[in-house]
Amino acid sequence: MPQTEQTNNGDYEFILKEHTFEGVGYARRISWTAGSGKVIISGSNTITRTISTDSTEANGILDAWDSITVENTNFRLVKTIIN
């Protein structure tokens, strides 16, 4: 089971059933490997969007206070420092 703010130990983790990582007060990096799942990004200052995970994404940025819902995806979420 993923941690509250990131995947376990900041490593890739296969998330089969829908799981939401709530928004936090700092940006996070998101990555996934190509597959048949989806991610949904939403937040108060973000247009909600659903993204198919049919291609690999490496080190994208999830803005502070945005939440992300993940399903059927090999996914990684970690805290990052952006200057």
Protein backbone atom coordinates (compact mmCIF):
# COMPACT_ATOMS: atom_id res chain seq x y z
CA MET A 1 0.00 0.00 0.00
CA PRO A 2 1.39 3.44 -0.91
CA GLN A 3 2.36 5.94 1.75
CA THR A 4 0.17 9.01 2.19
CA GLU A 5 2.37 11.52 0.34
CA GLN A 6 4.50 9.29 -1.90
CA THR A 7 4.91 5.72 -3.07
CA ASN A 8 6.66 3.34 -0.65
CA ASN A 9 10.23 4.55 -0.10
CA GLY A 10 9.87 6.75 -3.18
CA ASP A 11 10.20 3.67 -5.41
CA TYR A 12 8.04 2.41 -8.27
CA GLU A 13 4.98 0.60 -7.02
CA PHE A 14 2.28 -1.17 -9.03
CA ILE A 15 -1.06 0.32 -8.02
CA LEU A 16 -3.88 -1.90 -9.24
CA LYS A 17 -6.96 -0.44 -7.57
CA GLU A 18 -7.71 3.27 -7.69
CA HIS A 19 -5.66 5.17 -5.09
CA THR A 20 -5.56 8.93 -4.49
CA PHE A 21 -2.52 10.79 -3.20
CA GLU A 22 -3.90 14.00 -1.71
CA GLY A 23 -2.35 17.41 -2.30
CA VAL A 24 0.51 18.55 -0.07
CA GLY A 25 2.29 21.89 0.35
CA TYR A 26 5.20 21.08 -1.95
CA ALA A 27 5.77 19.84 -5.50
CA ARG A 28 6.39 16.17 -6.21
CA ARG A 29 7.88 14.25 -9.12
CA ILE A 30 5.68 11.71 -10.89
CA SER A 31 6.81 8.85 -13.12
CA TRP A 32 5.21 5.73 -14.56
CA THR A 33 6.02 2.95 -16.97
CA ALA A 34 3.95 2.32 -20.07
CA GLY A 35 0.88 0.18 -19.47
CA SER A 36 -2.91 0.16 -19.67
CA GLY A 37 -3.74 2.30 -16.64
CA LYS A 38 -4.58 5.94 -16.02
CA VAL A 39 -3.78 8.87 -13.75
CA ILE A 40 -6.08 11.76 -12.90
CA ILE A 41 -4.53 15.04 -11.78
CA SER A 42 -6.68 17.65 -10.05
CA GLY A 43 -6.33 20.67 -7.81
CA SER A 44 -7.82 24.05 -6.97
CA ASN A 45 -5.66 25.86 -9.55
CA THR A 46 -5.40 22.98 -12.02
CA ILE A 47 -7.79 21.84 -14.73
CA THR A 48 -8.64 18.22 -13.90
CA ARG A 49 -7.18 15.94 -16.52
CA THR A 50 -7.10 12.20 -17.10
CA ILE A 51 -3.94 10.80 -18.66
CA SER A 52 -3.60 7.33 -20.18
CA THR A 53 -0.41 5.60 -19.08
CA ASP A 54 0.15 3.96 -22.47
CA SER A 55 3.57 5.64 -22.70
CA THR A 56 6.31 6.06 -20.11
CA GLU A 57 6.57 9.34 -18.18
CA ALA A 58 9.74 10.17 -16.22
CA ASN A 59 10.08 12.91 -13.62
CA GLY A 60 7.05 15.00 -14.45
CA ILE A 61 6.04 17.63 -11.88
CA LEU A 62 2.91 17.46 -9.74
CA ASP A 63 2.40 20.99 -8.40
CA ALA A 64 1.94 21.75 -4.71
CA TRP A 65 -1.63 21.09 -3.51
CA ASP A 66 -2.52 19.01 -6.58
CA SER A 67 -3.81 15.51 -5.95
CA ILE A 68 -3.32 12.52 -8.21
CA THR A 69 -5.43 9.38 -8.55
CA VAL A 70 -3.70 6.32 -9.98
CA GLU A 71 -5.13 3.04 -11.27
CA ASN A 72 -3.55 -0.05 -12.87
CA THR A 73 -0.15 1.66 -13.19
CA ASN A 74 3.47 1.04 -12.21
CA PHE A 75 3.87 4.45 -10.57
CA ARG A 76 6.39 6.52 -8.62
CA LEU A 77 5.71 9.67 -6.59
CA VAL A 78 8.42 11.46 -4.59
CA LYS A 79 9.01 14.79 -2.88
CA THR A 80 11.18 17.15 -4.89
CA ILE A 81 12.85 20.50 -4.44
CA ILE A 82 12.32 23.00 -7.26
CA ASN A 83 14.33 26.21 -7.33
